[in-house]
Amino acid sequence: MKQVSYFHAKYPEYEGVYDFEGNLVTGELPKKQRRLVEAWCELHTDELNAAWTAWNESGEVIKIEGLR
């Protein structure tokens, strides 16, 4: 069974949960912010997977620079 990997994206009063393919799983963000998060995810897929692996193997938290 494949383990589901996801991250949270927040924008003032909104929050969305995304899988590592950039798909909105649950929640809501304004359209412009959704597009930015999807693009960010595409650029950081390798980092997301490395951070997820580190967390599952050793509990290490690896921060990935977000959108500003």
N, C-alpha and C. Protein backbone atom coordinates (compact mmCIF):
# COMPACT_ATOMS: atom_id res chain seq x y z
N MET A 1 0.84 -1.18 0.00
CA MET A 1 0.00 0.00 0.00
C MET A 1 0.88 1.25 0.00
N LYS A 2 0.62 2.17 -0.90
CA LYS A 2 1.41 3.39 -1.02
C LYS A 2 1.04 4.37 0.10
N GLN A 3 2.07 4.90 0.75
CA GLN A 3 1.85 5.89 1.79
C GLN A 3 1.57 7.25 1.16
N VAL A 4 0.56 7.95 1.64
CA VAL A 4 0.17 9.24 1.08
C VAL A 4 1.03 10.32 1.71
N SER A 5 1.67 11.11 0.87
CA SER A 5 2.51 12.21 1.32
C SER A 5 1.78 13.51 1.04
N TYR A 6 1.78 14.42 1.99
CA TYR A 6 1.05 15.66 1.81
C TYR A 6 1.69 16.79 2.60
N PHE A 7 1.29 18.02 2.27
CA PHE A 7 1.73 19.20 3.01
C PHE A 7 0.57 20.19 3.09
N HIS A 8 0.69 21.12 4.02
CA HIS A 8 -0.33 22.14 4.22
C HIS A 8 0.15 23.47 3.65
N ALA A 9 -0.74 24.17 3.00
CA ALA A 9 -0.46 25.53 2.50
C ALA A 9 -1.47 26.47 3.15
N LYS A 10 -0.96 27.56 3.73
CA LYS A 10 -1.84 28.50 4.42
C LYS A 10 -1.73 29.88 3.79
N TYR A 11 -2.85 30.55 3.75
CA TYR A 11 -2.92 31.92 3.25
C TYR A 11 -4.01 32.61 4.06
N PRO A 12 -3.64 33.68 4.82
CA PRO A 12 -4.43 34.20 5.93
C PRO A 12 -5.49 33.26 6.50
N GLU A 13 -6.73 33.39 6.10
CA GLU A 13 -7.78 32.57 6.72
C GLU A 13 -8.05 31.27 5.95
N TYR A 14 -7.25 30.97 4.94
CA TYR A 14 -7.44 29.76 4.13
C TYR A 14 -6.36 28.74 4.44
N GLU A 15 -6.69 27.48 4.21
CA GLU A 15 -5.70 26.42 4.31
C GLU A 15 -6.08 25.29 3.36
N GLY A 16 -5.08 24.79 2.65
CA GLY A 16 -5.29 23.66 1.77
C GLY A 16 -4.27 22.57 2.07
N VAL A 17 -4.68 21.34 1.88
CA VAL A 17 -3.78 20.20 2.04
C VAL A 17 -3.54 19.65 0.64
N TYR A 18 -2.27 19.50 0.29
CA TYR A 18 -1.86 19.07 -1.05
C TYR A 18 -1.07 17.78 -0.98
N ASP A 19 -1.24 16.93 -2.00
CA ASP A 19 -0.35 15.79 -2.12
C ASP A 19 0.92 16.27 -2.83
N PHE A 20 1.92 15.40 -2.90
CA PHE A 20 3.21 15.82 -3.46
C PHE A 20 3.18 15.97 -4.98
N GLU A 21 2.05 15.71 -5.59
CA GLU A 21 1.89 15.95 -7.02
C GLU A 21 1.23 17.29 -7.28
N GLY A 22 0.95 18.03 -6.21
CA GLY A 22 0.36 19.36 -6.33
C GLY A 22 -1.15 19.38 -6.42
N ASN A 23 -1.79 18.27 -6.08
CA ASN A 23 -3.25 18.20 -6.12
C ASN A 23 -3.83 18.62 -4.77
N LEU A 24 -4.82 19.49 -4.80
CA LEU A 24 -5.51 19.89 -3.59
C LEU A 24 -6.34 18.71 -3.10
N VAL A 25 -6.04 18.22 -1.90
CA VAL A 25 -6.73 17.07 -1.34
C VAL A 25 -7.95 17.52 -0.53
N THR A 26 -7.76 18.54 0.26
CA THR A 26 -8.84 19.07 1.07
C THR A 26 -8.55 20.53 1.41
N GLY A 27 -9.57 21.26 1.75
CA GLY A 27 -9.39 22.66 2.11
C GLY A 27 -9.64 23.57 0.93
N GLU A 28 -9.16 24.80 1.08
CA GLU A 28 -9.46 25.82 0.07
C GLU A 28 -8.40 26.93 0.12
N LEU A 29 -8.01 27.40 -1.05
CA LEU A 29 -7.17 28.57 -1.22
C LEU A 29 -7.75 29.37 -2.38
N PRO A 30 -7.54 30.70 -2.38
CA PRO A 30 -7.96 31.48 -3.55
C PRO A 30 -7.23 30.98 -4.81
N LYS A 31 -7.84 31.19 -5.95
CA LYS A 31 -7.32 30.67 -7.23
C LYS A 31 -5.85 31.04 -7.48
N LYS A 32 -5.50 32.29 -7.29
CA LYS A 32 -4.11 32.73 -7.54
C LYS A 32 -3.14 31.99 -6.63
N GLN A 33 -3.49 31.84 -5.36
CA GLN A 33 -2.62 31.15 -4.41
C GLN A 33 -2.54 29.66 -4.70
N ARG A 34 -3.65 29.07 -5.15
CA ARG A 34 -3.63 27.65 -5.55
C ARG A 34 -2.61 27.43 -6.66
N ARG A 35 -2.63 28.32 -7.65
CA ARG A 35 -1.69 28.18 -8.77
C ARG A 35 -0.25 28.32 -8.31
N LEU A 36 0.01 29.26 -7.39
CA LEU A 36 1.36 29.44 -6.86
C LEU A 36 1.83 28.20 -6.10
N VAL A 37 0.96 27.62 -5.29
CA VAL A 37 1.31 26.42 -4.54
C VAL A 37 1.57 25.26 -5.48
N GLU A 38 0.77 25.10 -6.51
CA GLU A 38 0.97 24.02 -7.48
C GLU A 38 2.32 24.18 -8.19
N ALA A 39 2.68 25.40 -8.56
CA ALA A 39 3.97 25.65 -9.21
C ALA A 39 5.11 25.38 -8.24
N TRP A 40 4.95 25.84 -6.98
CA TRP A 40 5.97 25.62 -5.96
C TRP A 40 6.20 24.12 -5.76
N CYS A 41 5.12 23.36 -5.70
CA CYS A 41 5.22 21.92 -5.51
C CYS A 41 6.00 21.26 -6.64
N GLU A 42 5.72 21.69 -7.85
CA GLU A 42 6.44 21.13 -9.01
C GLU A 42 7.94 21.40 -8.91
N LEU A 43 8.31 22.59 -8.45
CA LEU A 43 9.72 22.95 -8.32
C LEU A 43 10.41 22.25 -7.15
N HIS A 44 9.66 21.85 -6.15
CA HIS A 44 10.25 21.30 -4.92
C HIS A 44 9.90 19.84 -4.66
N THR A 45 9.48 19.12 -5.67
CA THR A 45 9.08 17.72 -5.50
C THR A 45 10.19 16.88 -4.88
N ASP A 46 11.42 17.01 -5.36
CA ASP A 46 12.53 16.22 -4.82
C ASP A 46 12.77 16.55 -3.35
N GLU A 47 12.71 17.84 -3.00
CA GLU A 47 12.90 18.24 -1.61
C GLU A 47 11.77 17.72 -0.72
N LEU A 48 10.55 17.77 -1.22
CA LEU A 48 9.42 17.25 -0.46
C LEU A 48 9.60 15.76 -0.17
N ASN A 49 9.99 15.01 -1.18
CA ASN A 49 10.19 13.57 -0.99
C ASN A 49 11.34 13.28 -0.04
N ALA A 50 12.43 14.04 -0.13
CA ALA A 50 13.57 13.85 0.77
C ALA A 50 13.19 14.19 2.21
N ALA A 51 12.44 15.25 2.40
CA ALA A 51 11.99 15.64 3.74
C ALA A 51 11.06 14.57 4.32
N TRP A 52 10.16 14.06 3.50
CA TRP A 52 9.22 13.03 3.95
C TRP A 52 9.97 11.76 4.36
N THR A 53 10.95 11.37 3.55
CA THR A 53 11.75 10.19 3.85
C THR A 53 12.52 10.38 5.15
N ALA A 54 13.16 11.53 5.32
CA ALA A 54 13.92 11.81 6.54
C ALA A 54 13.02 11.75 7.77
N TRP A 55 11.84 12.32 7.65
CA TRP A 55 10.90 12.31 8.78
C TRP A 55 10.49 10.88 9.14
N ASN A 56 10.19 10.07 8.15
CA ASN A 56 9.74 8.71 8.41
C ASN A 56 10.85 7.79 8.89
N GLU A 57 12.08 8.06 8.46
CA GLU A 57 13.19 7.18 8.83
C GLU A 57 13.83 7.56 10.17
N SER A 58 13.93 8.85 10.46
CA SER A 58 14.66 9.27 11.66
C SER A 58 13.94 10.32 12.49
N GLY A 59 12.82 10.82 12.01
CA GLY A 59 12.13 11.88 12.73
C GLY A 59 12.73 13.25 12.48
N GLU A 60 13.71 13.32 11.58
CA GLU A 60 14.37 14.59 11.25
C GLU A 60 13.41 15.49 10.47
N VAL A 61 13.36 16.75 10.87
CA VAL A 61 12.52 17.73 10.17
C VAL A 61 13.43 18.55 9.25
N ILE A 62 13.13 18.51 7.98
CA ILE A 62 13.87 19.31 6.99
C ILE A 62 12.93 20.39 6.49
N LYS A 63 13.32 21.63 6.70
CA LYS A 63 12.48 22.74 6.25
C LYS A 63 12.76 23.03 4.78
N ILE A 64 11.71 23.36 4.08
CA ILE A 64 11.81 23.73 2.67
C ILE A 64 11.31 25.16 2.55
N GLU A 65 12.09 26.00 1.89
CA GLU A 65 11.69 27.40 1.76
C GLU A 65 10.35 27.50 1.04
N GLY A 66 9.46 28.23 1.64
CA GLY A 66 8.13 28.40 1.08
C GLY A 66 8.03 29.62 0.17
N LEU A 67 6.82 29.94 -0.18
CA LEU A 67 6.55 31.13 -1.00
C LEU A 67 6.59 32.36 -0.11
N ARG A 68 7.01 33.46 -0.67
CA ARG A 68 7.04 34.72 0.08
C ARG A 68 6.28 35.77 -0.65
